């Protein structure tokens, strides 16, 4: 089976590529290197011992997408990560986000609908739920009005895939709604390497611990949670990567009842910002310089997954815990 992974040199994409290769899939990577580096390719090859086909392509250029599928007419499936993902940046640059996150999706689907059969996995997000009415969050929870253009592109992206699947029966798709991926591969060959200022908590923690950042800001301690800080569901990126393999296998085997399905991918456990900080201090032996500051606009209070659907239907379970993830992230930062 030949699988295209777009954004395959990114944080999540690179871990998925490694898992796919370990399971015997032939992988082709497309990445425009806007938020990754070519060094990641060497890391993946070091883990798997398998050479990779990599093409530097900007998927916003439709002619390049068409040309790619002409040359790789034997692609059996696509896992689509290539997207811009910084919430704050999306507010400042909405058109860039709509162009990059929606046009690229459309161009890929236009090529896949030409095939006799095609499998598609979409990198979605728990951001589609906003502040859910009840916890843990199930897949049937209402989709709330997006708080940012980034979040809106995930909602619209799912709608585009659903509408396409309704009229293209040869297309089978799954949207995986991630909660908060963290950590690094056990080999410490690949991990999260944000270019510029980190947008996520854990890279900011590790960069503060190692001295790249002078102080970590905790945005608000007056939320209605146990310690007043926001609660999130932090999942080890390797567990998340394995979920993609299980989802792809489901599509290939034709086990799906509908040709568009959605699954939450999380641990089912919420951890507060302060809990993450203190757990990191425990596993690293480092004392963090952090400061409580005002709330950040757009932050939901609490979000963690009900994973029953993924556990039972995909036969997938998160196996690594918060300590495992934070220790691997710290080892990666040191490397």
Protein backbone atom coordinates (compact mmCIF):
# COMPACT_ATOMS: atom_id res chain seq x y z
CA UNK A 1 0.00 0.00 0.00
CA UNK A 2 1.37 3.38 -1.06
CA UNK A 3 0.29 6.24 1.21
CA UNK A 4 0.78 9.98 0.71
CA UNK A 5 1.40 11.94 3.91
CA UNK A 6 1.10 15.70 3.40
CA UNK A 7 2.96 17.78 5.97
CA UNK A 8 4.87 14.58 6.70
CA UNK A 9 7.91 16.37 8.13
CA UNK A 10 5.85 18.20 10.76
CA UNK A 11 5.53 17.21 14.42
CA UNK A 12 2.60 14.80 14.11
CA UNK A 13 3.19 13.90 10.46
CA UNK A 14 6.75 12.66 11.04
CA UNK A 15 5.64 10.33 13.85
CA UNK A 16 2.82 8.98 11.68
CA UNK A 17 5.25 8.32 8.80
CA UNK A 18 7.49 6.31 11.14
CA UNK A 19 4.55 4.23 12.39
CA UNK A 20 3.28 3.61 8.85
CA UNK A 21 6.70 2.41 7.72
CA UNK A 22 6.99 0.15 10.76
CA UNK A 23 3.67 -1.43 9.70
CA UNK A 24 4.91 -2.08 6.16
CA UNK A 25 3.31 0.81 4.26
CA UNK A 26 5.20 2.55 1.46
CA UNK A 27 5.16 6.27 2.24
CA UNK A 28 5.53 9.36 0.07
CA UNK A 29 5.88 12.69 1.85
CA UNK A 30 4.86 16.12 0.59
CA UNK A 31 5.94 19.12 2.66
CA UNK A 32 6.71 22.72 1.74
CA UNK A 33 9.06 23.10 4.77
CA UNK A 34 7.22 26.23 5.95
CA UNK A 35 7.03 24.88 9.50
CA UNK A 36 9.57 22.04 9.46
CA UNK A 37 13.10 21.27 8.35
CA UNK A 38 14.61 18.69 6.01
CA UNK A 39 16.58 17.26 8.98
CA UNK A 40 13.37 15.55 10.10
CA UNK A 41 13.62 13.27 7.05
CA UNK A 42 16.97 11.97 8.31
CA UNK A 43 15.41 11.35 11.72
CA UNK A 44 12.60 9.23 10.27
CA UNK A 45 15.03 7.20 8.15
CA UNK A 46 17.24 6.65 11.21
CA UNK A 47 14.22 5.24 13.12
CA UNK A 48 12.88 2.95 10.41
CA UNK A 49 15.97 2.15 8.32
CA UNK A 50 13.83 2.67 5.21
CA UNK A 51 14.44 5.27 2.50
CA UNK A 52 11.61 7.68 1.75
CA UNK A 53 10.29 9.52 -1.27
CA UNK A 54 10.05 13.21 -0.37
CA UNK A 55 8.79 16.01 -2.59
CA UNK A 56 8.91 19.67 -1.67
CA UNK A 57 5.57 20.91 -2.99
CA UNK A 58 3.31 23.78 -1.98
CA UNK A 59 -0.16 22.25 -2.21
CA UNK A 60 -1.69 25.69 -2.81
CA UNK A 61 -0.43 25.35 -6.40
CA UNK A 62 -3.14 23.21 -8.00
CA UNK A 63 -1.05 22.40 -11.07
CA UNK A 64 1.61 20.82 -8.84
CA UNK A 65 -1.02 18.69 -7.08
CA UNK A 66 -2.41 17.47 -10.41
CA UNK A 67 1.11 16.70 -11.65
CA UNK A 68 1.97 14.79 -8.46
CA UNK A 69 -1.02 12.44 -8.80
CA UNK A 70 -0.22 11.84 -12.47
CA UNK A 71 3.26 10.73 -11.49
CA UNK A 72 2.07 8.77 -8.43
CA UNK A 73 -1.09 7.24 -9.87
CA UNK A 74 -0.79 4.25 -7.50
CA UNK A 75 -1.43 6.21 -4.28
CA UNK A 76 -3.89 4.15 -2.20
CA UNK A 77 -4.54 6.68 0.53
CA UNK A 78 -3.79 10.17 1.81
CA UNK A 79 -3.22 11.35 5.38
CA UNK A 80 -3.53 15.12 5.30
CA UNK A 81 -1.58 17.19 7.85
CA UNK A 82 -0.41 20.08 5.68
CA UNK A 83 -2.09 23.11 7.27
CA UNK A 84 -1.32 26.25 9.23
CA UNK A 85 -2.18 25.77 12.90
CA UNK A 86 -1.41 28.81 15.09
CA UNK A 87 -4.66 30.16 16.54
CA UNK A 88 -3.33 33.68 17.20
CA UNK A 89 -1.72 33.98 13.78
CA UNK A 90 -4.98 32.88 12.13
CA UNK A 91 -6.78 35.83 13.72
CA UNK A 92 -4.19 38.21 12.24
CA UNK A 93 -3.93 36.46 8.85
CA UNK A 94 -7.35 34.90 8.14
CA UNK A 95 -7.02 34.79 4.35
CA UNK A 96 -3.71 32.96 4.55
CA UNK A 97 -5.34 30.33 6.77
CA UNK A 98 -8.40 29.91 4.56
CA UNK A 99 -6.23 29.62 1.46
CA UNK A 100 -3.71 27.21 2.97
CA UNK A 101 -6.09 25.02 4.95
CA UNK A 102 -9.07 24.82 2.57
CA UNK A 103 -7.71 25.16 -0.98
CA UNK A 104 -5.15 22.42 -0.38
CA UNK A 105 -7.86 20.10 0.97
CA UNK A 106 -10.07 20.75 -2.05
CA UNK A 107 -7.25 20.10 -4.54
CA UNK A 108 -6.44 16.75 -2.89
CA UNK A 109 -10.08 15.64 -2.85
CA UNK A 110 -10.48 16.62 -6.51
CA UNK A 111 -7.67 14.20 -7.40
CA UNK A 112 -8.90 11.41 -5.13
CA UNK A 113 -12.42 11.49 -6.58
CA UNK A 114 -10.93 10.45 -9.93
CA UNK A 115 -9.79 7.11 -8.47
CA UNK A 116 -11.76 3.87 -8.39
CA UNK A 117 -11.33 3.88 -4.63
CA UNK A 118 -9.48 6.17 -2.29
CA UNK A 119 -8.88 6.45 1.45
CA UNK A 120 -8.49 9.81 3.19
CA UNK A 121 -7.65 10.72 6.79
CA UNK A 122 -8.10 14.33 7.86
CA UNK A 123 -6.15 15.93 10.67
CA UNK A 124 -8.94 17.62 12.64
CA UNK A 125 -9.09 19.03 16.15
CA UNK A 126 -11.08 19.13 19.36
CA UNK A 127 -11.24 22.88 18.76
CA UNK A 128 -14.43 22.18 16.76
CA UNK A 129 -16.24 21.57 20.07
CA UNK A 130 -15.29 24.91 21.64
CA UNK A 131 -16.31 24.95 25.30
CA UNK A 132 -18.37 21.77 25.34
CA UNK A 133 -21.66 21.66 27.23
CA UNK A 134 -20.60 18.52 29.11
CA UNK A 135 -17.44 16.54 29.82
CA UNK A 136 -15.92 14.24 28.69
CA UNK A 137 -16.59 15.27 25.09
CA UNK A 138 -18.19 12.70 22.79
CA UNK A 139 -18.20 12.81 18.98
CA UNK A 140 -21.91 13.70 19.09
CA UNK A 141 -21.24 16.91 21.06
CA UNK A 142 -22.49 20.03 19.26
CA UNK A 143 -20.03 21.84 16.99
CA UNK A 144 -19.72 25.36 18.40
CA UNK A 145 -19.09 28.58 16.48
CA UNK A 146 -15.34 28.73 15.90
CA UNK A 147 -13.36 31.16 18.04
CA UNK A 148 -10.67 31.64 15.36
CA UNK A 149 -10.15 31.29 11.60
CA UNK A 150 -7.94 28.27 12.37
CA UNK A 151 -10.78 26.54 14.21
CA UNK A 152 -13.17 27.49 11.46
CA UNK A 153 -10.96 25.84 8.82
CA UNK A 154 -11.20 22.55 10.76
CA UNK A 155 -14.99 22.81 10.89
CA UNK A 156 -15.31 23.78 7.23
CA UNK A 157 -12.75 21.12 6.28
CA UNK A 158 -14.88 18.40 7.86
CA UNK A 159 -17.98 19.78 6.09
CA UNK A 160 -16.17 19.75 2.73
CA UNK A 161 -15.15 16.11 3.22
CA UNK A 162 -18.66 15.08 4.34
CA UNK A 163 -20.32 16.79 1.37
CA UNK A 164 -17.80 15.19 -1.01
CA UNK A 165 -18.29 11.72 0.46
CA UNK A 166 -22.06 12.03 -0.04
CA UNK A 167 -21.61 12.24 -3.81
CA UNK A 168 -18.34 10.31 -4.25
CA UNK A 169 -19.06 6.79 -2.94
CA UNK A 170 -15.58 5.58 -3.92
CA UNK A 171 -14.06 7.95 -1.35
CA UNK A 172 -13.76 6.71 2.24
CA UNK A 173 -12.70 9.24 4.85
CA UNK A 174 -12.08 9.55 8.57
CA UNK A 175 -11.56 12.78 10.51
CA UNK A 176 -9.50 12.36 13.66
CA UNK A 177 -10.23 15.07 16.21
CA UNK A 178 -7.01 15.38 18.22
CA UNK A 179 -6.89 16.77 21.68
CA UNK A 180 -3.40 18.00 22.75
CA UNK A 181 -0.45 16.07 21.24
CA UNK A 182 2.84 16.29 23.16
CA UNK A 183 6.08 14.36 23.57
CA UNK A 184 8.63 12.86 21.20
CA UNK A 185 9.61 9.51 19.70
CA UNK A 186 11.39 7.19 22.16
CA UNK A 187 14.49 7.27 19.92
CA UNK A 188 14.61 11.07 20.38
CA UNK A 189 15.27 11.28 16.62
CA UNK A 190 12.07 13.28 15.98
CA UNK A 191 9.93 15.54 18.15
CA UNK A 192 8.21 18.91 18.33
CA UNK A 193 10.42 21.68 16.97
CA UNK A 194 8.41 24.90 16.66
CA UNK A 195 9.97 27.56 14.45
CA UNK A 196 9.86 30.86 16.33
CA UNK A 197 7.89 31.33 19.55
CA UNK A 198 6.06 28.15 20.61
CA UNK A 199 2.26 28.26 20.40
CA UNK A 200 1.77 25.27 22.72
CA UNK A 201 2.36 24.75 26.43
CA UNK A 202 4.87 21.88 26.49
CA UNK A 203 7.48 23.35 24.08
CA UNK A 204 7.28 26.57 26.10
CA UNK A 205 7.87 24.57 29.29
CA UNK A 206 10.89 22.72 27.88
CA UNK A 207 12.38 25.87 26.34
CA UNK A 208 11.99 27.69 29.67
CA UNK A 209 13.60 24.79 31.54
CA UNK A 210 16.62 24.75 29.23
CA UNK A 211 17.04 28.54 29.25
CA UNK A 212 15.77 29.53 25.80
CA UNK A 213 12.88 31.37 27.47
CA UNK A 214 13.27 33.38 30.67
CA UNK A 215 9.78 32.79 32.01
CA UNK A 216 6.65 30.73 31.38
CA UNK A 217 3.32 32.54 31.48
CA UNK A 218 0.29 30.75 32.93
CA UNK A 219 -2.77 32.44 31.47
CA UNK A 220 -5.18 32.75 34.39
CA UNK A 221 -5.63 30.89 37.68
CA UNK A 222 -9.24 31.92 38.33
CA UNK A 223 -11.04 29.39 36.13
CA UNK A 224 -13.68 27.10 37.69
CA UNK A 225 -11.28 24.12 37.82
CA UNK A 226 -9.59 22.34 40.71
CA UNK A 227 -6.54 24.65 40.79
CA UNK A 228 -7.96 27.54 38.74
CA UNK A 229 -5.96 26.82 35.56
CA UNK A 230 -7.27 25.50 32.24
CA UNK A 231 -7.63 21.75 31.77
CA UNK A 232 -6.67 19.87 28.61
CA UNK A 233 -6.31 16.27 27.42
CA UNK A 234 -2.61 15.73 26.65
CA UNK A 235 -1.88 12.73 24.42
CA UNK A 236 1.54 11.30 23.59
CA UNK A 237 2.25 11.90 19.89
CA UNK A 238 3.26 8.24 19.39
CA UNK A 239 -0.14 7.06 20.67
CA UNK A 240 -1.74 9.59 18.31
CA UNK A 241 0.38 8.30 15.41
CA UNK A 242 -0.72 4.72 16.08
CA UNK A 243 -4.36 5.87 15.91
CA UNK A 244 -3.76 6.96 12.31
CA UNK A 245 -2.51 3.50 11.39
CA UNK A 246 -5.61 1.94 12.98
CA UNK A 247 -7.90 4.39 11.14
CA UNK A 248 -6.16 3.75 7.82
CA UNK A 249 -6.40 -0.01 8.34
CA UNK A 250 -10.14 0.35 8.98
CA UNK A 251 -10.59 2.18 5.67
CA UNK A 252 -8.45 -0.25 3.69
CA UNK A 253 -10.29 -3.26 5.13
CA UNK A 254 -13.65 -1.69 4.32
CA UNK A 255 -14.76 -2.02 7.95
CA UNK A 256 -16.37 1.43 7.96
CA UNK A 257 -20.19 1.49 7.76
CA UNK A 258 -20.30 5.09 6.53
CA UNK A 259 -17.82 6.56 4.07
CA UNK A 260 -17.20 9.48 6.45
CA UNK A 261 -16.55 8.91 10.15
CA UNK A 262 -15.14 11.01 13.01
CA UNK A 263 -13.20 9.87 16.08
CA UNK A 264 -11.88 11.66 19.15
CA UNK A 265 -8.22 10.89 19.83
CA UNK A 266 -7.21 11.67 23.40
CA UNK A 267 -6.50 9.94 26.70
CA UNK A 268 -9.87 10.61 28.32
CA UNK A 269 -8.10 12.39 31.21
CA UNK A 270 -7.85 16.11 31.77
CA UNK A 271 -4.74 17.73 33.24
CA UNK A 272 -4.50 21.35 34.37
CA UNK A 273 -1.71 23.70 33.32
CA UNK A 274 -0.27 23.67 36.84
CA UNK A 275 -0.47 19.86 36.95
CA UNK A 276 1.54 19.68 33.73
CA UNK A 277 4.11 22.12 35.12
CA UNK A 278 4.52 20.19 38.39
CA UNK A 279 4.67 16.83 36.59
CA UNK A 280 7.39 18.20 34.31
CA UNK A 281 9.35 19.44 37.34
CA UNK A 282 9.06 15.95 38.84
CA UNK A 283 10.29 14.01 35.78
CA UNK A 284 13.00 16.51 34.77
CA UNK A 285 14.30 17.58 38.17
CA UNK A 286 14.13 21.18 36.92
CA UNK A 287 12.36 24.01 38.74
CA UNK A 288 10.37 26.12 36.30
CA UNK A 289 10.24 29.89 36.40
CA UNK A 290 6.56 30.55 35.77
CA UNK A 291 4.23 33.45 36.46
CA UNK A 292 0.45 33.68 36.66
CA UNK A 293 -0.76 36.35 34.23
CA UNK A 294 -4.17 37.41 32.92
CA UNK A 295 -6.46 35.13 30.98
CA UNK A 296 -5.84 34.67 27.26
CA UNK A 297 -8.73 35.46 24.97
CA UNK A 298 -10.35 32.44 23.37
CA UNK A 299 -9.13 29.80 25.85
CA UNK A 300 -11.78 27.25 26.79
CA UNK A 301 -11.95 26.30 30.46
CA UNK A 302 -11.75 22.54 30.16
CA UNK A 303 -11.64 19.97 27.35
CA UNK A 304 -10.97 16.25 27.51
CA UNK A 305 -12.13 13.37 25.35
CA UNK A 306 -14.57 10.55 25.67
CA UNK A 307 -12.51 7.94 23.82
CA UNK A 308 -15.04 5.08 23.90
CA UNK A 309 -15.72 5.21 20.16
CA UNK A 310 -12.04 5.03 19.17
CA UNK A 311 -11.37 2.36 21.82
CA UNK A 312 -14.17 0.07 20.63
CA UNK A 313 -14.37 0.69 16.87
CA UNK A 314 -10.74 1.41 15.98
CA UNK A 315 -9.49 -0.97 18.71
CA UNK A 316 -7.10 1.79 19.73
CA UNK A 317 -6.10 2.90 23.23
CA UNK A 318 -3.67 5.50 24.52
CA UNK A 319 -0.92 3.57 26.34
CA UNK A 320 1.55 6.30 27.35
CA UNK A 321 0.86 8.72 30.20
CA UNK A 322 1.63 12.37 30.97
CA UNK A 323 4.93 11.53 32.68
CA UNK A 324 6.06 9.47 29.66
CA UNK A 325 5.20 12.31 27.28
CA UNK A 326 6.84 15.07 29.33
CA UNK A 327 10.02 13.08 29.90
CA UNK A 328 10.34 12.37 26.16
CA UNK A 329 9.72 16.06 25.39
CA UNK A 330 12.47 17.03 27.84
CA UNK A 331 14.93 14.52 26.33
CA UNK A 332 14.09 15.92 22.88
CA UNK A 333 14.67 19.50 24.05
CA UNK A 334 18.07 18.51 25.43
CA UNK A 335 18.99 16.86 22.13
